[in-house]
Amino acid sequence: MYEDFQVRDRWTGEDLHCQWKANIVAIATRHADAVDVRFEVNERPVWIAMPAVAWVAQKKRSGGVITDALAAQIAGHYLKEAVESGYDNGREMYTMTVTEVLEHLDAVMSEAKHTAKLPVLPILSEETGSVDYVPSRNTEISE
């Protein structure tokens, strides 16, 4: 879905390859109450900052949690929409509001139908260039 996708820049017409790289709790890197989701866009780093309070808002409204995989999908959906709409202007960091996080979460879940159907996030090795995957349960989900 949105962990590795192609999108065309609205203004330049350039094809962009967007690839998820990491979710980082921002308190450790910039003393912010957020989760920063890192993508590479044509090998250029782009960060999507998602406020930590969005996790609380999601828990209150649905009882569900935002997993790492879901956070990556939400941020990727936001990034894709930003590029397609012309909002992307080459900035390195974009900051989402709680409302935006929940709106993009709803869009991702409308598409995926269940968190168990979200793509598995890759483990990327900078040193070897190899790709592995985070182990996940094999869970059957009925629609």
Protein backbone atom coordinates (compact mmCIF):
# COMPACT_ATOMS: atom_id res chain seq x y z
CA MET A 1 0.00 0.00 0.00
CA TYR A 2 1.83 3.11 1.25
CA GLU A 3 5.14 1.77 2.57
CA ASP A 4 6.60 1.66 -0.95
CA PHE A 5 4.82 3.50 -3.75
CA GLN A 6 5.22 5.61 -6.88
CA VAL A 7 3.58 9.01 -7.26
CA ARG A 8 3.80 11.81 -9.82
CA ASP A 9 4.59 15.32 -8.60
CA ARG A 10 1.70 17.60 -9.49
CA TRP A 11 3.87 20.58 -10.48
CA THR A 12 6.95 19.04 -12.07
CA GLY A 13 5.47 15.84 -13.46
CA GLU A 14 8.44 13.98 -11.96
CA ASP A 15 7.86 10.36 -10.97
CA LEU A 16 8.74 9.91 -7.31
CA HIS A 17 9.57 6.63 -5.59
CA CYS A 18 8.55 6.84 -1.92
CA GLN A 19 9.85 4.15 0.40
CA TRP A 20 9.27 3.82 4.15
CA LYS A 21 12.46 3.60 6.20
CA ALA A 22 11.64 3.96 9.91
CA ASN A 23 9.30 5.03 12.68
CA ILE A 24 11.14 6.96 15.39
CA VAL A 25 9.75 8.24 18.67
CA ALA A 26 10.67 11.91 18.34
CA ILE A 27 11.33 12.51 22.04
CA ALA A 28 14.64 10.72 21.50
CA THR A 29 15.79 12.80 18.54
CA ARG A 30 14.21 16.23 18.82
CA HIS A 31 12.42 16.27 22.20
CA ALA A 32 8.98 16.35 20.60
CA ASP A 33 5.84 14.48 21.64
CA ALA A 34 5.47 12.82 18.25
CA VAL A 35 6.34 9.83 16.13
CA ASP A 36 8.44 10.71 13.10
CA VAL A 37 7.95 8.43 10.11
CA ARG A 38 10.86 8.52 7.69
CA PHE A 39 10.51 7.98 3.96
CA GLU A 40 13.00 8.26 1.16
CA VAL A 41 11.55 10.11 -1.81
CA ASN A 42 13.85 9.51 -4.78
CA GLU A 43 16.59 8.93 -2.18
CA ARG A 44 15.83 12.26 -0.42
CA PRO A 45 14.85 11.93 3.27
CA VAL A 46 11.33 13.11 4.13
CA TRP A 47 9.87 12.97 7.62
CA ILE A 48 6.18 12.92 8.52
CA ALA A 49 5.66 14.01 12.14
CA MET A 50 2.57 12.50 13.74
CA PRO A 51 1.52 13.87 17.17
CA ALA A 52 1.61 11.22 19.91
CA VAL A 53 -1.76 12.44 21.18
CA ALA A 54 -3.28 10.96 17.99
CA TRP A 55 -2.63 7.50 19.48
CA VAL A 56 -4.69 8.53 22.52
CA ALA A 57 -7.45 9.98 20.32
CA GLN A 58 -7.67 6.75 18.31
CA LYS A 59 -7.84 4.65 21.48
CA LYS A 60 -10.64 6.85 22.85
CA ARG A 61 -12.70 6.89 19.66
CA SER A 62 -12.41 3.22 18.68
CA GLY A 63 -10.65 1.28 21.40
CA GLY A 64 -8.03 0.35 18.80
CA VAL A 65 -4.37 1.26 18.66
CA ILE A 66 -2.12 2.69 15.99
CA THR A 67 0.53 0.05 15.36
CA ASP A 68 3.91 0.73 13.77
CA ALA A 69 2.67 -0.73 10.50
CA LEU A 70 -0.49 1.37 10.60
CA ALA A 71 1.51 4.54 11.41
CA ALA A 72 3.69 3.89 8.36
CA GLN A 73 0.60 3.47 6.17
CA ILE A 74 -1.04 6.63 7.56
CA ALA A 75 2.09 8.70 6.95
CA GLY A 76 2.55 7.21 3.48
CA HIS A 77 -1.06 7.99 2.57
CA TYR A 78 -0.55 11.57 3.78
CA LEU A 79 2.69 11.90 1.79
CA LYS A 80 1.11 10.53 -1.39
CA GLU A 81 -1.82 12.93 -1.07
CA ALA A 82 0.54 15.86 -0.38
CA VAL A 83 2.54 15.16 -3.54
CA GLU A 84 -0.54 14.60 -5.73
CA SER A 85 -2.24 17.76 -4.48
CA GLY A 86 0.84 19.92 -4.96
CA TYR A 87 1.36 20.49 -1.23
CA ASP A 88 4.79 18.84 -1.34
CA ASN A 89 7.39 21.50 -2.04
CA GLY A 90 10.55 19.59 -1.28
CA ARG A 91 10.48 20.15 2.47
CA GLU A 92 12.24 17.64 4.65
CA MET A 93 9.56 17.55 7.37
CA TYR A 94 5.77 17.65 7.33
CA THR A 95 3.70 17.88 10.50
CA MET A 96 0.30 16.23 10.70
CA THR A 97 -2.47 17.33 13.05
CA VAL A 98 -4.44 14.85 15.16
CA THR A 99 -7.41 15.36 12.83
CA GLU A 100 -5.25 14.63 9.79
CA VAL A 101 -3.85 11.47 11.40
CA LEU A 102 -7.36 10.18 12.11
CA GLU A 103 -8.64 11.11 8.63
CA HIS A 104 -5.75 9.32 6.92
CA LEU A 105 -6.14 6.38 9.31
CA ASP A 106 -9.78 6.08 8.24
CA ALA A 107 -8.76 6.22 4.56
CA VAL A 108 -6.11 3.51 5.04
CA MET A 109 -8.48 1.27 7.01
CA SER A 110 -11.24 1.76 4.44
CA GLU A 111 -8.81 0.40 1.87
CA ALA A 112 -7.21 -2.37 3.99
CA LYS A 113 -10.39 -3.43 5.89
CA HIS A 114 -8.37 -4.77 8.88
CA THR A 115 -4.96 -4.12 10.42
CA ALA A 116 -4.03 -7.77 9.88
CA LYS A 117 -4.23 -7.09 6.15
CA LEU A 118 -1.67 -4.27 6.24
CA PRO A 119 1.61 -5.00 4.46
CA VAL A 120 4.47 -6.23 6.63
CA LEU A 121 7.17 -3.61 7.15
CA PRO A 122 10.61 -4.50 5.81
CA ILE A 123 13.77 -4.47 7.91
CA LEU A 124 16.34 -2.69 5.78
CA SER A 125 20.07 -3.18 6.19
CA GLU A 126 22.09 -0.13 5.12
CA GLU A 127 25.32 -2.14 5.34
CA THR A 128 24.37 -5.13 3.20
CA GLY A 129 21.44 -3.74 1.25
CA SER A 130 19.42 -6.78 2.26
CA VAL A 131 15.74 -6.73 3.10
CA ASP A 132 14.08 -8.87 5.75
CA TYR A 133 10.59 -8.63 7.20
CA VAL A 134 9.19 -8.15 10.67
CA PRO A 135 7.67 -11.48 11.68
CA SER A 136 3.90 -11.44 12.00
CA ARG A 137 1.19 -13.85 12.98
CA ASN A 138 -0.62 -15.71 10.25
CA THR A 139 -4.13 -14.62 11.13
CA GLU A 140 -7.17 -15.42 9.08
CA ILE A 141 -9.53 -12.47 8.89
CA SER A 142 -13.01 -12.87 7.52
CA GLU A 143 -14.61 -9.94 5.76
